[in-house]
Amino acid sequence: MLYNKIDVHAHYLSPGYKKFLKDQFNDMGDGVKTPDYSIDTTLSIMDKTKIDYSIISISSPHINTGEASGTLELANEVNDYALTQHSKYAKKIGFFASVPMPYVDESVQVINQVAKTGQAAGFTLPTNSRGTYLGDPKLDPMMQALDDAHAIVALHPNAPGIVDSNVNPTVPQPILEFFFDTTRTVVNMLVNGIFTRYPNIQFIIPHTGAVLPLVANRIPLARSLNPDLRPEQLDIQSVMGQQYFDVAGMVLSQQLPALLELIDPDKLLYASDTPYTPTPVVLDLANRLETTDLLSQPMKQKMFNQNARKLFSL
């Protein structure tokens, strides 16, 4: 590995979260086998990939147990586990706190508690929680709490709220549906004014913007079909210009060039997506990013390290 890295999209599994995945998903959350995990998993991958600092977070299907009290309990458990790792490995491990979305009162409670301690790097939010999508007006108090905290929020895809079992039933959800859900969620947030009404939140959009780089030019055309939409509800260019994007996954040779036509390279952040992405694949993808001719050496330094260091004041 040629470049020292800061990883903004790495996952962990606490004991309570492992139990949740086993009890509710038979260890196949969103169709993905629960990986073996301890904090040593993260530390080993960091060493192999030349990652100096990892900001760990909970992955899909996230933590909604189906009712408020259980979701709040699980949120506290996963956050306590992450805080323990951060305290033990302060120079190597940070974390995004999980929020008991879509339960608004409980979510506001957790956001305020986490913000008060100041230990988390930010928060992670799923694109949807059992069908309640970011941008839904009933989540506005949660968004206001994040805005009040000047929070950094890393979005993460979930399987769609409604899945048609007759369409692509053998294709795992992360392959297609995660990208579609990220895209529909960002547009839903845009149309509902999340980015303008809560300007103090800095969002990180995963997987190089998912499908957004390919459809960004289409979004403003919606007004020609629905004149009731206001121009600011379709101003995806402003979103692309102001938010950050992680490069988790196979972003070369198609996604990253398309995204770079729309954003400043200073908004790119390195991401490994471990341990759900196997270590040999993480190494291969990192090598492709390190050696690509698409990015200059200064751009690579920013993507791998400097942009995150500035964003998180590391």
Protein backbone atom coordinates (compact mmCIF):
# COMPACT_ATOMS: atom_id res chain seq x y z
CA MET A 1 0.00 0.00 0.00
CA LEU A 2 1.34 3.41 -1.00
CA TYR A 3 -0.88 5.84 0.92
CA ASN A 4 -1.79 6.27 4.55
CA LYS A 5 -5.56 6.27 4.87
CA ILE A 6 -8.47 7.38 7.00
CA ASP A 7 -11.45 5.06 6.58
CA VAL A 8 -14.91 6.61 7.01
CA HIS A 9 -16.97 3.55 6.08
CA ALA A 10 -15.96 0.52 8.14
CA HIS A 11 -18.37 -1.61 10.13
CA TYR A 12 -18.47 -3.32 13.50
CA LEU A 13 -20.77 -5.85 15.15
CA SER A 14 -21.36 -5.56 18.88
CA PRO A 15 -22.56 -8.59 20.88
CA GLY A 16 -26.08 -7.15 21.04
CA TYR A 17 -26.15 -6.47 17.32
CA LYS A 18 -24.94 -10.00 16.54
CA LYS A 19 -27.78 -11.37 18.68
CA PHE A 20 -30.28 -9.10 16.91
CA LEU A 21 -29.13 -10.34 13.49
CA LYS A 22 -29.36 -13.96 14.61
CA ASP A 23 -32.77 -13.62 16.29
CA GLN A 24 -34.53 -11.52 13.65
CA PHE A 25 -32.67 -12.33 10.42
CA ASN A 26 -31.22 -15.80 10.98
CA ASP A 27 -27.79 -14.21 10.43
CA MET A 28 -28.81 -13.11 6.94
CA GLY A 29 -29.61 -9.41 7.35
CA ASP A 30 -30.64 -7.99 3.96
CA GLY A 31 -29.57 -11.32 2.48
CA VAL A 32 -25.95 -11.00 3.63
CA LYS A 33 -24.30 -13.55 5.91
CA THR A 34 -23.26 -12.04 9.22
CA PRO A 35 -19.45 -11.91 9.19
CA ASP A 36 -17.25 -13.03 12.04
CA TYR A 37 -16.16 -9.96 13.96
CA SER A 38 -14.17 -8.65 16.88
CA ILE A 39 -12.34 -5.34 17.13
CA ASP A 40 -9.20 -7.27 16.16
CA THR A 41 -10.85 -7.76 12.76
CA THR A 42 -10.83 -4.01 12.22
CA LEU A 43 -7.31 -3.55 13.55
CA SER A 44 -5.94 -6.34 11.33
CA ILE A 45 -7.53 -4.91 8.20
CA MET A 46 -6.23 -1.47 9.09
CA ASP A 47 -2.69 -2.81 9.36
CA LYS A 48 -2.87 -4.61 6.01
CA THR A 49 -4.42 -1.66 4.18
CA LYS A 50 -2.30 1.11 5.74
CA ILE A 51 -5.33 2.67 7.44
CA ASP A 52 -4.25 4.98 10.24
CA TYR A 53 -7.74 5.70 11.57
CA SER A 54 -11.12 3.96 11.07
CA ILE A 55 -14.50 5.45 11.86
CA ILE A 56 -16.64 2.38 12.52
CA SER A 57 -20.42 2.16 12.25
CA ILE A 58 -23.29 -0.31 12.20
CA SER A 59 -24.26 -1.62 8.77
CA SER A 60 -27.59 -2.68 7.28
CA PRO A 61 -30.21 -3.75 8.29
CA HIS A 62 -29.38 -1.34 11.16
CA ILE A 63 -31.03 -1.56 14.56
CA ASN A 64 -34.83 -1.25 14.31
CA THR A 65 -36.16 -4.18 16.35
CA GLY A 66 -39.75 -3.38 15.42
CA GLU A 67 -40.64 -1.33 18.48
CA ALA A 68 -39.31 1.74 20.24
CA SER A 69 -37.97 0.44 23.55
CA GLY A 70 -36.04 -2.46 22.03
CA THR A 71 -34.57 -0.22 19.35
CA LEU A 72 -33.48 2.33 21.93
CA GLU A 73 -31.90 -0.43 24.03
CA LEU A 74 -30.01 -1.75 21.00
CA ALA A 75 -28.89 1.76 20.01
CA ASN A 76 -27.42 2.25 23.47
CA GLU A 77 -25.70 -1.15 23.34
CA VAL A 78 -24.04 -0.64 19.95
CA ASN A 79 -23.01 2.90 20.86
CA ASP A 80 -21.57 1.80 24.20
CA TYR A 81 -19.56 -0.92 22.45
CA ALA A 82 -18.17 1.55 19.90
CA LEU A 83 -17.34 4.08 22.60
CA THR A 84 -15.43 1.39 24.48
CA GLN A 85 -13.35 0.64 21.39
CA HIS A 86 -12.75 4.35 20.79
CA SER A 87 -11.64 4.78 24.40
CA LYS A 88 -9.31 1.80 24.17
CA TYR A 89 -7.84 2.72 20.77
CA ALA A 90 -8.28 6.48 20.74
CA LYS A 91 -5.61 7.08 18.11
CA LYS A 92 -6.93 4.41 15.75
CA ILE A 93 -10.71 4.02 16.18
CA GLY A 94 -13.54 6.54 15.95
CA PHE A 95 -17.24 5.82 15.53
CA PHE A 96 -20.52 7.02 14.11
CA ALA A 97 -23.27 6.66 16.69
CA SER A 98 -26.45 4.81 15.74
CA VAL A 99 -29.87 6.39 16.22
CA PRO A 100 -33.12 4.51 17.06
CA MET A 101 -34.84 5.76 13.90
CA PRO A 102 -37.77 6.02 13.12
CA TYR A 103 -38.78 6.50 16.77
CA VAL A 104 -38.51 10.26 16.99
CA ASP A 105 -38.48 10.93 20.74
CA GLU A 106 -35.97 8.16 21.33
CA SER A 107 -33.83 9.35 18.42
CA VAL A 108 -33.72 12.91 19.73
CA GLN A 109 -32.79 11.57 23.16
CA VAL A 110 -29.83 9.58 21.77
CA ILE A 111 -28.65 12.41 19.53
CA ASN A 112 -28.62 14.85 22.43
CA GLN A 113 -26.83 12.39 24.71
CA VAL A 114 -24.17 11.58 22.12
CA ALA A 115 -23.67 15.21 21.17
CA LYS A 116 -23.27 16.17 24.83
CA THR A 117 -20.46 13.68 25.40
CA GLY A 118 -18.66 14.76 22.22
CA GLN A 119 -16.99 11.36 21.79
CA ALA A 120 -18.56 10.27 18.49
CA ALA A 121 -17.26 11.46 15.13
CA GLY A 122 -20.88 11.85 14.06
CA PHE A 123 -23.94 9.72 13.42
CA THR A 124 -25.00 7.06 10.95
CA LEU A 125 -28.52 6.96 9.54
CA PRO A 126 -30.06 4.27 7.33
CA THR A 127 -31.70 5.38 4.11
CA ASN A 128 -34.90 3.92 5.50
CA SER A 129 -35.92 2.14 8.67
CA ARG A 130 -38.58 -0.47 7.93
CA GLY A 131 -40.04 1.80 5.26
CA THR A 132 -39.72 5.20 6.96
CA TYR A 133 -37.38 7.17 4.71
CA LEU A 134 -35.11 10.08 5.47
CA GLY A 135 -36.95 13.17 4.30
CA ASP A 136 -40.23 12.03 5.85
CA PRO A 137 -41.65 15.11 7.66
CA LYS A 138 -42.35 13.09 10.80
CA LEU A 139 -38.58 12.76 11.24
CA ASP A 140 -38.10 16.54 11.28
CA PRO A 141 -37.48 16.72 15.08
CA MET A 142 -34.68 14.19 14.64
CA MET A 143 -33.18 16.25 11.82
CA GLN A 144 -33.47 19.40 13.92
CA ALA A 145 -31.56 17.74 16.75
CA LEU A 146 -28.81 16.78 14.31
CA ASP A 147 -28.75 20.30 12.90
CA ASP A 148 -28.54 21.78 16.41
CA ALA A 149 -25.56 19.51 17.05
CA HIS A 150 -23.84 20.56 13.79
CA ALA A 151 -23.56 16.84 13.16
CA ILE A 152 -21.68 14.90 10.53
CA VAL A 153 -24.08 12.22 9.29
CA ALA A 154 -22.97 9.20 7.27
CA LEU A 155 -25.85 7.76 5.27
CA HIS A 156 -25.96 4.01 4.75
CA PRO A 157 -28.30 2.03 2.49
CA ASN A 158 -30.88 -0.44 3.66
CA ALA A 159 -32.99 -2.75 1.57
CA PRO A 160 -36.03 -0.86 0.26
CA GLY A 161 -39.05 -0.46 2.48
CA ILE A 162 -41.06 -2.62 0.09
CA VAL A 163 -39.36 -5.47 -1.76
CA ASP A 164 -41.15 -7.30 -4.59
CA SER A 165 -40.17 -10.92 -4.15
CA ASN A 166 -40.97 -11.60 -7.81
CA VAL A 167 -38.21 -9.30 -9.09
CA ASN A 168 -34.57 -10.43 -8.95
CA PRO A 169 -35.21 -12.72 -5.97
CA THR A 170 -31.79 -14.40 -6.32
CA VAL A 171 -29.77 -11.16 -6.54
CA PRO A 172 -28.59 -10.05 -3.08
CA GLN A 173 -29.99 -6.68 -2.00
CA PRO A 174 -26.62 -4.87 -1.77
CA ILE A 175 -25.86 -5.44 -5.46
CA LEU A 176 -28.69 -3.30 -6.87
CA GLU A 177 -31.19 -2.25 -4.25
CA PHE A 178 -28.69 -0.56 -1.96
CA PHE A 179 -27.70 1.77 -4.80
CA PHE A 180 -31.29 2.50 -5.74
CA ASP A 181 -32.27 3.11 -2.12
CA THR A 182 -29.43 5.56 -1.55
CA THR A 183 -30.41 7.44 -4.70
CA ARG A 184 -34.13 7.60 -3.95
CA THR A 185 -33.40 8.67 -0.38
CA VAL A 186 -31.13 11.57 -1.33
CA VAL A 187 -33.73 12.78 -3.83
CA ASN A 188 -36.47 12.41 -1.19
CA MET A 189 -34.36 14.48 1.20
CA LEU A 190 -33.83 17.09 -1.52
CA VAL A 191 -37.50 17.39 -2.46
CA ASN A 192 -38.45 17.68 1.22
CA GLY A 193 -35.91 20.41 1.89
CA ILE A 194 -33.60 18.52 4.25
CA PHE A 195 -30.43 20.03 2.84
CA THR A 196 -31.74 23.60 2.94
CA ARG A 197 -33.76 23.46 6.18
CA TYR A 198 -30.94 21.80 8.15
CA PRO A 199 -27.80 23.42 6.71
CA ASN A 200 -25.64 22.65 9.75
CA ILE A 201 -25.69 18.90 9.01
CA GLN A 202 -22.80 17.68 6.87
CA PHE A 203 -23.81 14.49 5.06
CA ILE A 204 -21.57 11.74 3.70
CA ILE A 205 -23.26 9.95 0.80
CA PRO A 206 -21.96 6.38 0.40
CA HIS A 207 -20.72 4.33 -2.53
CA THR A 208 -19.64 7.28 -4.69
CA GLY A 209 -23.16 8.66 -4.73
CA ALA A 210 -24.72 5.37 -5.88
CA VAL A 211 -26.72 6.14 -9.05
CA LEU A 212 -26.83 9.91 -8.46
CA PRO A 213 -23.95 10.77 -10.83
CA LEU A 214 -25.86 9.10 -13.67
CA VAL A 215 -29.26 10.68 -13.03
CA ALA A 216 -28.34 14.10 -11.65
CA ASN A 217 -29.05 15.84 -14.95
CA ARG A 218 -32.49 14.24 -15.12
CA ILE A 219 -33.72 15.37 -11.72
CA PRO A 220 -34.38 19.06 -12.60
CA LEU A 221 -36.48 17.85 -15.54
CA ALA A 222 -39.12 16.67 -13.06
CA ARG A 223 -40.49 20.22 -12.97
CA SER A 224 -41.51 19.98 -16.63
CA LEU A 225 -43.74 17.05 -15.68
CA ASN A 226 -44.85 18.47 -12.31
CA PRO A 227 -44.90 22.30 -12.33
CA ASP A 228 -45.82 22.32 -8.63
CA LEU A 229 -42.22 21.45 -7.81
CA ARG A 230 -40.05 24.45 -6.99
CA PRO A 231 -36.58 24.77 -8.54
CA GLU A 232 -34.89 24.48 -5.13
CA GLN A 233 -36.63 21.12 -4.59
CA LEU A 234 -34.73 19.75 -7.58
CA ASP A 235 -31.39 21.49 -7.13
CA ILE A 236 -29.33 18.32 -6.97
CA GLN A 237 -26.27 20.21 -8.18
CA SER A 238 -26.13 22.13 -4.89
CA VAL A 239 -26.31 18.87 -2.94
CA MET A 240 -23.55 17.34 -5.04
CA GLY A 241 -21.42 20.42 -4.47
CA GLN A 242 -21.89 20.71 -0.72
CA GLN A 243 -21.92 17.14 0.63
CA TYR A 244 -19.18 14.51 0.92
CA PHE A 245 -18.98 11.16 -0.88
CA ASP A 246 -17.21 8.00 0.20
CA VAL A 247 -15.64 5.64 -2.31
CA ALA A 248 -16.72 2.30 -0.81
CA GLY A 249 -16.99 -0.49 -3.33
CA MET A 250 -15.93 -0.96 -6.94
CA VAL A 251 -15.92 2.67 -8.04
CA LEU A 252 -13.56 2.20 -10.99
CA SER A 253 -13.81 2.36 -13.90
CA GLN A 254 -17.35 3.76 -14.15
CA GLN A 255 -18.69 5.48 -11.05
CA LEU A 256 -15.82 7.66 -9.93
CA PRO A 257 -15.24 9.39 -13.30
CA ALA A 258 -18.96 10.23 -13.48
CA LEU A 259 -18.98 11.61 -9.94
CA LEU A 260 -15.89 13.75 -10.54
CA GLU A 261 -17.74 15.55 -13.32
CA LEU A 262 -20.10 16.89 -10.64
CA ILE A 263 -18.11 17.37 -7.43
CA ASP A 264 -14.93 18.89 -6.06
CA PRO A 265 -12.31 16.17 -5.34
CA ASP A 266 -11.96 17.74 -1.89
CA LYS A 267 -15.30 16.04 -1.10
CA LEU A 268 -14.01 12.49 -1.66
CA LEU A 269 -13.37 10.21 1.33
CA TYR A 270 -11.71 6.81 1.43
CA ALA A 271 -13.88 3.88 2.54
CA SER A 272 -13.20 0.15 2.86
CA ASP A 273 -16.66 -1.22 3.80
CA THR A 274 -15.03 -3.90 5.93
CA PRO A 275 -15.69 -6.56 7.15
CA TYR A 276 -18.62 -7.05 4.76
CA THR A 277 -16.16 -6.56 1.91
CA PRO A 278 -13.61 -9.38 2.28
CA THR A 279 -10.04 -8.28 3.01
CA PRO A 280 -8.53 -9.48 -0.32
CA VAL A 281 -11.15 -7.40 -2.14
CA VAL A 282 -10.47 -4.39 0.11
CA LEU A 283 -6.78 -4.64 -0.76
CA ASP A 284 -7.50 -4.96 -4.47
CA LEU A 285 -9.89 -2.00 -4.53
CA ALA A 286 -7.46 0.14 -2.55
CA ASN A 287 -4.67 -0.77 -4.96
CA ARG A 288 -6.84 0.27 -7.92
CA LEU A 289 -7.48 3.64 -6.31
CA GLU A 290 -3.82 4.08 -5.44
CA THR A 291 -2.65 3.38 -9.00
CA THR A 292 -5.40 4.87 -11.15
CA ASP A 293 -4.45 7.58 -13.64
CA LEU A 294 -7.83 9.24 -13.05
CA LEU A 295 -6.52 11.00 -9.94
CA SER A 296 -3.33 12.98 -9.52
CA GLN A 297 -1.06 12.24 -6.59
CA PRO A 298 -2.27 15.34 -4.68
CA MET A 299 -5.89 14.30 -5.30
CA LYS A 300 -5.13 10.83 -3.97
CA GLN A 301 -3.52 12.27 -0.85
CA LYS A 302 -6.67 14.28 -0.24
CA MET A 303 -9.05 11.37 -0.86
CA PHE A 304 -7.12 8.88 1.23
CA ASN A 305 -6.30 11.12 4.15
CA GLN A 306 -6.39 14.89 4.03
CA ASN A 307 -10.09 15.46 3.28
CA ALA A 308 -11.17 13.32 6.23
CA ARG A 309 -8.54 14.82 8.49
CA LYS A 310 -9.96 18.27 7.74
CA LEU A 311 -13.61 17.22 8.00
CA PHE A 312 -13.19 15.49 11.37
CA SER A 313 -10.47 17.80 12.72
CA LEU A 314 -8.13 14.86 13.25
